[in-house]
Every structure is written in C-alpha cells, then in structure tokens.
Amino acid sequence: MWNRVFRALADPQRRALLKRLRAGPLPVAALAEGLEISPSTLSHHLKLLREADLVRCEKRATQRIYALNSSVLEDLATALLDRGSGTP
C-alpha cells in the first residue's frame, strides 16, 4: 500500500492536485484549471491517486467530483512518526 502512496506523492503535478483538494471536493474541470496538462495526463494522475487511495471519486450527473481521502495521509503520518520513534 505504502509503495503506491509514495509513488503517487513523488510527482509534483499529483501533489498540486492534492493541494487543490485540501479546500474541498472539486470537479475534474476545476482541478485542471491553470495546469498545463493534457486531459489524458490528468486522467493518468487521477488514476494513480485513486489507486493509492489518496482521493475518492464520485459521479454526479455528468461530472466526476474528486475529494481528498485524508485518512490515508493521516495513517502515513502516524506510520512515519512511529518509525522515527523506534516503535514498530
């Protein structure tokens, strides 16, 4: 699981997408605004973020709405802190 999370977080464009979602759920069009990224590349990035369980996607009518899954980030922070303190 963590390998997918780290892979997803390694890319600056995916981190930018996650940063945009901190304010709340957004449709794909709003996520893409201001990013110089093709629709296929955006789709690829969102797929990797979904596979890492960092975002959730909900279909509403003709739109796909993405939301941050903060529980995975919280679990990651806990795991890193536990690792740093010597706790297994």
N, C-alpha and C. Protein backbone atom coordinates (compact mmCIF):
# COMPACT_ATOMS: atom_id res chain seq x y z
N MET A 1 0.83 -1.20 0.00
CA MET A 1 0.00 0.00 0.00
C MET A 1 0.87 1.27 0.00
N TRP A 2 1.87 1.28 0.89
CA TRP A 2 2.68 2.50 1.02
C TRP A 2 3.46 2.79 -0.25
N ASN A 3 3.86 1.74 -0.99
CA ASN A 3 4.58 1.98 -2.24
C ASN A 3 3.74 2.81 -3.21
N ARG A 4 2.45 2.49 -3.29
CA ARG A 4 1.56 3.27 -4.17
C ARG A 4 1.42 4.70 -3.69
N VAL A 5 1.33 4.86 -2.38
CA VAL A 5 1.20 6.21 -1.82
C VAL A 5 2.45 7.03 -2.12
N PHE A 6 3.62 6.46 -1.86
CA PHE A 6 4.86 7.19 -2.12
C PHE A 6 5.03 7.48 -3.61
N ARG A 7 4.67 6.52 -4.45
CA ARG A 7 4.76 6.75 -5.90
C ARG A 7 3.85 7.91 -6.31
N ALA A 8 2.64 7.92 -5.76
CA ALA A 8 1.70 8.99 -6.10
C ALA A 8 2.20 10.34 -5.61
N LEU A 9 2.78 10.37 -4.43
CA LEU A 9 3.25 11.63 -3.86
C LEU A 9 4.55 12.12 -4.49
N ALA A 10 5.25 11.27 -5.21
CA ALA A 10 6.55 11.63 -5.78
C ALA A 10 6.44 12.65 -6.91
N ASP A 11 5.28 12.73 -7.54
CA ASP A 11 5.14 13.61 -8.70
C ASP A 11 4.60 14.98 -8.28
N PRO A 12 5.26 16.06 -8.71
CA PRO A 12 4.81 17.41 -8.32
C PRO A 12 3.41 17.76 -8.84
N GLN A 13 3.03 17.25 -10.01
CA GLN A 13 1.69 17.56 -10.52
C GLN A 13 0.62 16.87 -9.66
N ARG A 14 0.89 15.66 -9.20
CA ARG A 14 -0.07 14.98 -8.34
C ARG A 14 -0.15 15.67 -6.99
N ARG A 15 0.98 16.15 -6.48
CA ARG A 15 0.94 16.91 -5.22
C ARG A 15 0.14 18.19 -5.39
N ALA A 16 0.25 18.83 -6.57
CA ALA A 16 -0.52 20.05 -6.83
C ALA A 16 -2.02 19.73 -6.84
N LEU A 17 -2.39 18.59 -7.40
CA LEU A 17 -3.80 18.19 -7.40
C LEU A 17 -4.30 17.97 -5.98
N LEU A 18 -3.49 17.29 -5.17
CA LEU A 18 -3.87 17.05 -3.78
C LEU A 18 -4.01 18.37 -3.02
N LYS A 19 -3.11 19.29 -3.29
CA LYS A 19 -3.16 20.60 -2.62
C LYS A 19 -4.46 21.33 -2.95
N ARG A 20 -4.89 21.24 -4.20
CA ARG A 20 -6.16 21.88 -4.61
C ARG A 20 -7.35 21.26 -3.88
N LEU A 21 -7.26 19.98 -3.60
CA LEU A 21 -8.38 19.28 -2.96
C LEU A 21 -8.44 19.52 -1.45
N ARG A 22 -7.43 20.14 -0.89
CA ARG A 22 -7.46 20.42 0.56
C ARG A 22 -8.63 21.33 0.93
N ALA A 23 -9.01 22.20 0.02
CA ALA A 23 -10.11 23.13 0.30
C ALA A 23 -11.48 22.47 0.19
N GLY A 24 -11.53 21.29 -0.42
CA GLY A 24 -12.80 20.58 -0.56
C GLY A 24 -12.92 19.91 -1.91
N PRO A 25 -13.97 19.12 -2.09
CA PRO A 25 -14.17 18.38 -3.34
C PRO A 25 -14.28 19.31 -4.54
N LEU A 26 -13.76 18.83 -5.68
CA LEU A 26 -13.80 19.61 -6.92
C LEU A 26 -14.08 18.71 -8.11
N PRO A 27 -14.79 19.25 -9.11
CA PRO A 27 -14.95 18.50 -10.36
C PRO A 27 -13.63 18.52 -11.14
N VAL A 28 -13.49 17.58 -12.05
CA VAL A 28 -12.26 17.44 -12.83
C VAL A 28 -11.90 18.75 -13.52
N ALA A 29 -12.87 19.44 -14.10
CA ALA A 29 -12.59 20.68 -14.82
C ALA A 29 -11.93 21.71 -13.90
N ALA A 30 -12.40 21.82 -12.67
CA ALA A 30 -11.82 22.77 -11.72
C ALA A 30 -10.41 22.34 -11.31
N LEU A 31 -10.19 21.03 -11.19
CA LEU A 31 -8.86 20.53 -10.85
C LEU A 31 -7.85 20.89 -11.95
N ALA A 32 -8.30 20.84 -13.19
CA ALA A 32 -7.41 21.07 -14.33
C ALA A 32 -7.11 22.54 -14.57
N GLU A 33 -7.92 23.44 -14.04
CA GLU A 33 -7.74 24.87 -14.30
C GLU A 33 -6.35 25.34 -13.91
N GLY A 34 -5.71 26.01 -14.85
CA GLY A 34 -4.40 26.59 -14.58
C GLY A 34 -3.23 25.63 -14.70
N LEU A 35 -3.53 24.35 -14.84
CA LEU A 35 -2.44 23.38 -15.01
C LEU A 35 -2.23 23.16 -16.50
N GLU A 36 -1.00 23.20 -16.90
CA GLU A 36 -0.69 22.93 -18.31
C GLU A 36 -0.48 21.43 -18.44
N ILE A 37 -1.60 20.74 -18.57
CA ILE A 37 -1.60 19.29 -18.55
C ILE A 37 -2.70 18.79 -19.49
N SER A 38 -2.41 17.80 -20.27
CA SER A 38 -3.40 17.27 -21.20
C SER A 38 -4.46 16.47 -20.44
N PRO A 39 -5.65 16.33 -21.02
CA PRO A 39 -6.69 15.53 -20.36
C PRO A 39 -6.24 14.09 -20.08
N SER A 40 -5.48 13.49 -21.00
CA SER A 40 -5.04 12.12 -20.77
C SER A 40 -4.02 12.04 -19.63
N THR A 41 -3.16 13.04 -19.52
CA THR A 41 -2.19 13.06 -18.42
C THR A 41 -2.90 13.29 -17.10
N LEU A 42 -3.88 14.18 -17.09
CA LEU A 42 -4.67 14.41 -15.88
C LEU A 42 -5.38 13.13 -15.46
N SER A 43 -5.96 12.45 -16.42
CA SER A 43 -6.64 11.18 -16.13
C SER A 43 -5.67 10.18 -15.51
N HIS A 44 -4.47 10.10 -16.06
CA HIS A 44 -3.45 9.18 -15.53
C HIS A 44 -3.10 9.54 -14.08
N HIS A 45 -2.88 10.83 -13.82
CA HIS A 45 -2.54 11.26 -12.46
C HIS A 45 -3.67 10.94 -11.48
N LEU A 46 -4.89 11.21 -11.89
CA LEU A 46 -6.03 10.93 -11.01
C LEU A 46 -6.18 9.43 -10.77
N LYS A 47 -5.90 8.63 -11.77
CA LYS A 47 -5.95 7.17 -11.61
C LYS A 47 -4.94 6.72 -10.56
N LEU A 48 -3.72 7.23 -10.63
CA LEU A 48 -2.70 6.85 -9.66
C LEU A 48 -3.07 7.32 -8.25
N LEU A 49 -3.66 8.49 -8.14
CA LEU A 49 -4.10 8.99 -6.83
C LEU A 49 -5.24 8.13 -6.28
N ARG A 50 -6.13 7.69 -7.14
CA ARG A 50 -7.22 6.78 -6.70
C ARG A 50 -6.65 5.44 -6.27
N GLU A 51 -5.73 4.88 -7.05
CA GLU A 51 -5.14 3.59 -6.72
C GLU A 51 -4.38 3.63 -5.40
N ALA A 52 -3.81 4.79 -5.08
CA ALA A 52 -3.12 4.96 -3.80
C ALA A 52 -4.10 5.29 -2.68
N ASP A 53 -5.37 5.41 -3.02
CA ASP A 53 -6.45 5.74 -2.08
C ASP A 53 -6.28 7.13 -1.47
N LEU A 54 -5.58 8.00 -2.18
CA LEU A 54 -5.40 9.37 -1.71
C LEU A 54 -6.58 10.27 -2.05
N VAL A 55 -7.34 9.88 -3.07
CA VAL A 55 -8.54 10.63 -3.44
C VAL A 55 -9.69 9.66 -3.65
N ARG A 56 -10.87 10.20 -3.54
CA ARG A 56 -12.10 9.45 -3.83
C ARG A 56 -12.82 10.18 -4.96
N CYS A 57 -13.51 9.40 -5.78
CA CYS A 57 -14.22 9.97 -6.91
C CYS A 57 -15.69 9.59 -6.81
N GLU A 58 -16.54 10.59 -7.03
CA GLU A 58 -17.99 10.37 -7.02
C GLU A 58 -18.56 10.93 -8.32
N LYS A 59 -19.39 10.15 -8.96
CA LYS A 59 -20.01 10.62 -10.19
C LYS A 59 -21.33 11.30 -9.84
N ARG A 60 -21.46 12.56 -10.28
CA ARG A 60 -22.70 13.32 -10.08
C ARG A 60 -23.15 13.80 -11.46
N ALA A 61 -24.24 13.24 -11.92
CA ALA A 61 -24.76 13.54 -13.26
C ALA A 61 -23.65 13.27 -14.28
N THR A 62 -23.19 14.31 -14.96
CA THR A 62 -22.15 14.12 -15.98
C THR A 62 -20.75 14.47 -15.48
N GLN A 63 -20.64 14.83 -14.20
CA GLN A 63 -19.35 15.24 -13.65
C GLN A 63 -18.78 14.18 -12.73
N ARG A 64 -17.47 14.18 -12.65
CA ARG A 64 -16.78 13.37 -11.65
C ARG A 64 -16.20 14.35 -10.64
N ILE A 65 -16.57 14.14 -9.38
CA ILE A 65 -16.13 15.01 -8.30
C ILE A 65 -15.07 14.27 -7.49
N TYR A 66 -13.93 14.92 -7.32
CA TYR A 66 -12.83 14.32 -6.56
C TYR A 66 -12.73 14.97 -5.19
N ALA A 67 -12.40 14.14 -4.20
CA ALA A 67 -12.23 14.61 -2.83
C ALA A 67 -10.98 13.96 -2.24
N LEU A 68 -10.32 14.67 -1.38
CA LEU A 68 -9.14 14.18 -0.70
C LEU A 68 -9.54 13.12 0.31
N ASN A 69 -8.81 12.03 0.36
CA ASN A 69 -9.01 11.00 1.38
C ASN A 69 -7.94 11.22 2.43
N SER A 70 -8.22 12.08 3.38
CA SER A 70 -7.21 12.47 4.35
C SER A 70 -6.83 11.35 5.31
N SER A 71 -7.67 10.34 5.44
CA SER A 71 -7.34 9.25 6.38
C SER A 71 -6.07 8.53 5.97
N VAL A 72 -5.81 8.39 4.67
CA VAL A 72 -4.59 7.73 4.22
C VAL A 72 -3.38 8.59 4.57
N LEU A 73 -3.50 9.89 4.41
CA LEU A 73 -2.40 10.79 4.76
C LEU A 73 -2.16 10.79 6.27
N GLU A 74 -3.23 10.71 7.05
CA GLU A 74 -3.08 10.63 8.50
C GLU A 74 -2.41 9.32 8.89
N ASP A 75 -2.79 8.21 8.26
CA ASP A 75 -2.16 6.92 8.53
C ASP A 75 -0.68 6.96 8.17
N LEU A 76 -0.35 7.61 7.06
CA LEU A 76 1.05 7.73 6.64
C LEU A 76 1.84 8.53 7.66
N ALA A 77 1.28 9.64 8.11
CA ALA A 77 1.97 10.47 9.10
C ALA A 77 2.20 9.68 10.39
N THR A 78 1.22 8.93 10.81
CA THR A 78 1.35 8.10 12.02
C THR A 78 2.43 7.05 11.83
N ALA A 79 2.43 6.38 10.68
CA ALA A 79 3.44 5.35 10.40
C ALA A 79 4.85 5.95 10.40
N LEU A 80 4.99 7.12 9.79
CA LEU A 80 6.31 7.77 9.76
C LEU A 80 6.76 8.20 11.14
N LEU A 81 5.84 8.72 11.94
CA LEU A 81 6.18 9.13 13.29
C LEU A 81 6.53 7.94 14.15
N ASP A 82 5.78 6.84 14.00
CA ASP A 82 6.07 5.63 14.76
C ASP A 82 7.43 5.07 14.38
N ARG A 83 7.73 5.12 13.09
CA ARG A 83 9.02 4.61 12.60
C ARG A 83 10.16 5.44 13.15
N GLY A 84 9.96 6.73 13.19
CA GLY A 84 11.00 7.63 13.70
C GLY A 84 11.23 7.51 15.20
N SER A 85 10.22 7.06 15.93
CA SER A 85 10.37 6.94 17.38
C SER A 85 10.88 5.58 17.83
N GLY A 86 11.10 4.68 16.85
CA GLY A 86 11.58 3.36 17.18
C GLY A 86 10.48 2.38 17.53
N THR A 87 9.21 2.82 17.45
CA THR A 87 8.08 1.94 17.71
C THR A 87 7.79 1.14 16.46
N PRO A 88 7.60 -0.18 16.58
CA PRO A 88 7.32 -0.97 15.37
C PRO A 88 6.02 -0.64 14.72
